[in-house]
C-alpha atoms as a PDB file:
ATOM      1  CA  UNK A   1      33.184  40.411  19.218  1.00  0.00           C
ATOM      2  CA  UNK A   2      36.764  40.739  18.088  1.00  0.00           C
ATOM      3  CA  UNK A   3      37.976  40.453  21.680  1.00  0.00           C
ATOM      4  CA  UNK A   4      36.044  37.201  22.113  1.00  0.00           C
ATOM      5  CA  UNK A   5      37.446  35.822  18.863  1.00  0.00           C
ATOM      6  CA  UNK A   6      41.031  36.722  19.764  1.00  0.00           C
ATOM      7  CA  UNK A   7      40.527  35.491  23.323  1.00  0.00           C
ATOM      8  CA  UNK A   8      39.227  32.155  22.073  1.00  0.00           C
ATOM      9  CA  UNK A   9      42.457  31.462  20.206  1.00  0.00           C
ATOM     10  CA  UNK A  10      44.921  33.059  22.626  1.00  0.00           C
ATOM     11  CA  UNK A  11      43.452  32.333  26.086  1.00  0.00           C
ATOM     12  CA  UNK A  12      42.779  28.600  26.710  1.00  0.00           C
ATOM     13  CA  UNK A  13      40.484  29.095  29.762  1.00  0.00           C
ATOM     14  CA  UNK A  14      38.199  31.323  27.685  1.00  0.00           C
ATOM     15  CA  UNK A  15      38.186  28.745  24.893  1.00  0.00           C
ATOM     16  CA  UNK A  16      37.154  26.057  27.382  1.00  0.00           C
ATOM     17  CA  UNK A  17      34.387  28.235  28.786  1.00  0.00           C
ATOM     18  CA  UNK A  18      33.059  29.072  25.307  1.00  0.00           C
ATOM     19  CA  UNK A  19      33.156  25.390  24.317  1.00  0.00           C
ATOM     20  CA  UNK A  20      31.159  24.515  27.443  1.00  0.00           C
ATOM     21  CA  UNK A  21      28.680  27.269  26.562  1.00  0.00           C
ATOM     22  CA  UNK A  22      28.330  25.790  23.062  1.00  0.00           C
ATOM     23  CA  UNK A  23      27.540  22.380  24.597  1.00  0.00           C
ATOM     24  CA  UNK A  24      24.879  23.935  26.829  1.00  0.00           C
ATOM     25  CA  UNK A  25      23.423  25.714  23.811  1.00  0.00           C
ATOM     26  CA  UNK A  26      23.278  22.467  21.851  1.00  0.00           C
ATOM     27  CA  UNK A  27      21.772  20.497  24.754  1.00  0.00           C
ATOM     28  CA  UNK A  28      19.125  23.048  25.807  1.00  0.00           C
ATOM     29  CA  UNK A  29      18.265  24.380  22.304  1.00  0.00           C
ATOM     30  CA  UNK A  30      15.014  26.381  22.644  1.00  0.00           C
ATOM     31  CA  UNK A  31      15.351  26.918  26.385  1.00  0.00           C
ATOM     32  CA  UNK A  32      18.799  28.411  25.847  1.00  0.00           C
ATOM     33  CA  UNK A  33      17.443  30.640  23.088  1.00  0.00           C
ATOM     34  CA  UNK A  34      14.636  31.862  25.314  1.00  0.00           C
ATOM     35  CA  UNK A  35      16.887  32.539  28.283  1.00  0.00           C
ATOM     36  CA  UNK A  36      19.493  34.318  26.180  1.00  0.00           C
ATOM     37  CA  UNK A  37      16.753  36.465  24.616  1.00  0.00           C
ATOM     38  CA  UNK A  38      15.514  37.427  28.089  1.00  0.00           C
ATOM     39  CA  UNK A  39      19.021  38.318  29.225  1.00  0.00           C
ATOM     40  CA  UNK A  40      19.816  40.290  26.068  1.00  0.00           C
ATOM     41  CA  UNK A  41      16.436  41.998  25.789  1.00  0.00           C
ATOM     42  CA  UNK A  42      15.552  42.687  29.418  1.00  0.00           C
ATOM     43  CA  UNK A  43      18.316  42.285  31.979  1.00  0.00           C
ATOM     44  CA  UNK A  44      21.221  43.889  30.134  1.00  0.00           C
ATOM     45  CA  UNK A  45      19.268  47.002  29.020  1.00  0.00           C
ATOM     46  CA  UNK A  46      17.866  47.440  32.536  1.00  0.00           C
ATOM     47  CA  UNK A  47      21.335  47.123  34.076  1.00  0.00           C
ATOM     48  CA  UNK A  48      22.682  49.640  31.567  1.00  0.00           C
ATOM     49  CA  UNK A  49      19.875  52.052  32.483  1.00  0.00           C
ATOM     50  CA  UNK A  50      20.599  51.647  36.191  1.00  0.00           C
ATOM     51  CA  UNK A  51      24.362  52.038  35.923  1.00  0.00           C
ATOM     52  CA  UNK A  52      24.564  54.662  33.164  1.00  0.00           C
ATOM     53  CA  UNK A  53      21.498  56.864  33.477  1.00  0.00           C
ATOM     54  CA  UNK A  54      20.653  56.432  37.169  1.00  0.00           C
ATOM     55  CA  UNK A  55      24.265  56.530  38.366  1.00  0.00           C
ATOM     56  CA  UNK A  56      24.025  53.025  39.937  1.00  0.00           C
ATOM     57  CA  UNK A  57      21.011  53.937  42.086  1.00  0.00           C
ATOM     58  CA  UNK A  58      18.244  51.352  42.028  1.00  0.00           C
ATOM     59  CA  UNK A  59      14.758  52.812  42.107  1.00  0.00           C
ATOM     60  CA  UNK A  60      11.630  50.864  42.958  1.00  0.00           C
ATOM     61  CA  UNK A  61      10.482  51.408  39.386  1.00  0.00           C
ATOM     62  CA  UNK A  62      13.357  49.202  38.261  1.00  0.00           C
ATOM     63  CA  UNK A  63      11.689  46.320  40.065  1.00  0.00           C
ATOM     64  CA  UNK A  64       8.363  46.807  38.256  1.00  0.00           C
ATOM     65  CA  UNK A  65       7.527  45.767  34.744  1.00  0.00           C
ATOM     66  CA  UNK A  66       7.062  48.604  32.241  1.00  0.00           C
ATOM     67  CA  UNK A  67       3.749  47.007  31.200  1.00  0.00           C
ATOM     68  CA  UNK A  68       1.521  49.813  32.573  1.00  0.00           C
ATOM     69  CA  UNK A  69       3.471  52.315  30.506  1.00  0.00           C
ATOM     70  CA  UNK A  70       3.001  50.152  27.427  1.00  0.00           C
ATOM     71  CA  UNK A  71      -0.760  50.460  27.821  1.00  0.00           C
ATOM     72  CA  UNK A  72      -0.454  54.199  27.186  1.00  0.00           C
ATOM     73  CA  UNK A  73       1.466  53.961  23.908  1.00  0.00           C
ATOM     74  CA  UNK A  74      -0.598  54.221  20.733  1.00  0.00           C
ATOM     75  CA  UNK A  75       1.782  52.037  18.719  1.00  0.00           C
ATOM     76  CA  UNK A  76       1.598  49.155  21.203  1.00  0.00           C
ATOM     77  CA  UNK A  77      -0.012  46.005  19.729  1.00  0.00           C
ATOM     78  CA  UNK A  78      -3.521  45.271  21.058  1.00  0.00           C
ATOM     79  CA  UNK A  79      -2.474  42.018  22.751  1.00  0.00           C
ATOM     80  CA  UNK A  80       0.230  43.795  24.758  1.00  0.00           C
ATOM     81  CA  UNK A  81      -2.319  46.423  25.802  1.00  0.00           C
ATOM     82  CA  UNK A  82      -4.689  43.708  27.040  1.00  0.00           C
ATOM     83  CA  UNK A  83      -1.911  42.197  29.117  1.00  0.00           C
ATOM     84  CA  UNK A  84      -0.814  45.569  30.467  1.00  0.00           C
ATOM     85  CA  UNK A  85      -4.185  47.039  31.405  1.00  0.00           C
ATOM     86  CA  UNK A  86      -4.775  44.947  34.562  1.00  0.00           C
ATOM     87  CA  UNK A  87      -1.383  46.040  35.860  1.00  0.00           C
ATOM     88  CA  UNK A  88      -2.149  49.644  34.981  1.00  0.00           C
ATOM     89  CA  UNK A  89      -5.436  49.535  36.873  1.00  0.00           C
ATOM     90  CA  UNK A  90      -3.740  47.986  39.907  1.00  0.00           C
ATOM     91  CA  UNK A  91      -1.604  51.011  40.655  1.00  0.00           C
ATOM     92  CA  UNK A  92      -2.558  54.480  39.424  1.00  0.00           C
ATOM     93  CA  UNK A  93       0.380  56.055  41.240  1.00  0.00           C
ATOM     94  CA  UNK A  94       2.877  53.759  39.565  1.00  0.00           C
ATOM     95  CA  UNK A  95       1.229  54.513  36.229  1.00  0.00           C
ATOM     96  CA  UNK A  96       1.754  58.252  36.667  1.00  0.00           C
ATOM     97  CA  UNK A  97       5.383  57.787  37.728  1.00  0.00           C
ATOM     98  CA  UNK A  98       6.120  55.365  34.907  1.00  0.00           C
ATOM     99  CA  UNK A  99       4.666  57.809  32.390  1.00  0.00           C
ATOM    100  CA  UNK A 100       7.554  60.100  33.296  1.00  0.00           C
ATOM    101  CA  UNK A 101      10.146  57.333  33.107  1.00  0.00           C
ATOM    102  CA  UNK A 102       8.884  55.576  29.949  1.00  0.00           C
ATOM    103  CA  UNK A 103       7.469  58.242  27.626  1.00  0.00           C
ATOM    104  CA  UNK A 104       5.851  57.039  24.419  1.00  0.00           C
END
């Protein structure tokens, strides 16, 4: 955060890019909020897992949603379980493998 703040005042191209981002945020409002939440909550953590824990090796489990694993967790809300169960039934093998990757 500090680097972005300092860069905004000391590096004019970064200031221009951040101003353009602010205009996009103002114009798109809820769509921007939704997309930024998806990026921050799904893509960035998955990329961190791939590059840090898997040593930059992409596994086919990275391409699947963790929804079948969510169906196994006791603390998962009922609505999420209802959405995850059809996916869990679709692939028993993926369910067993994901249980190892995403323990409750």
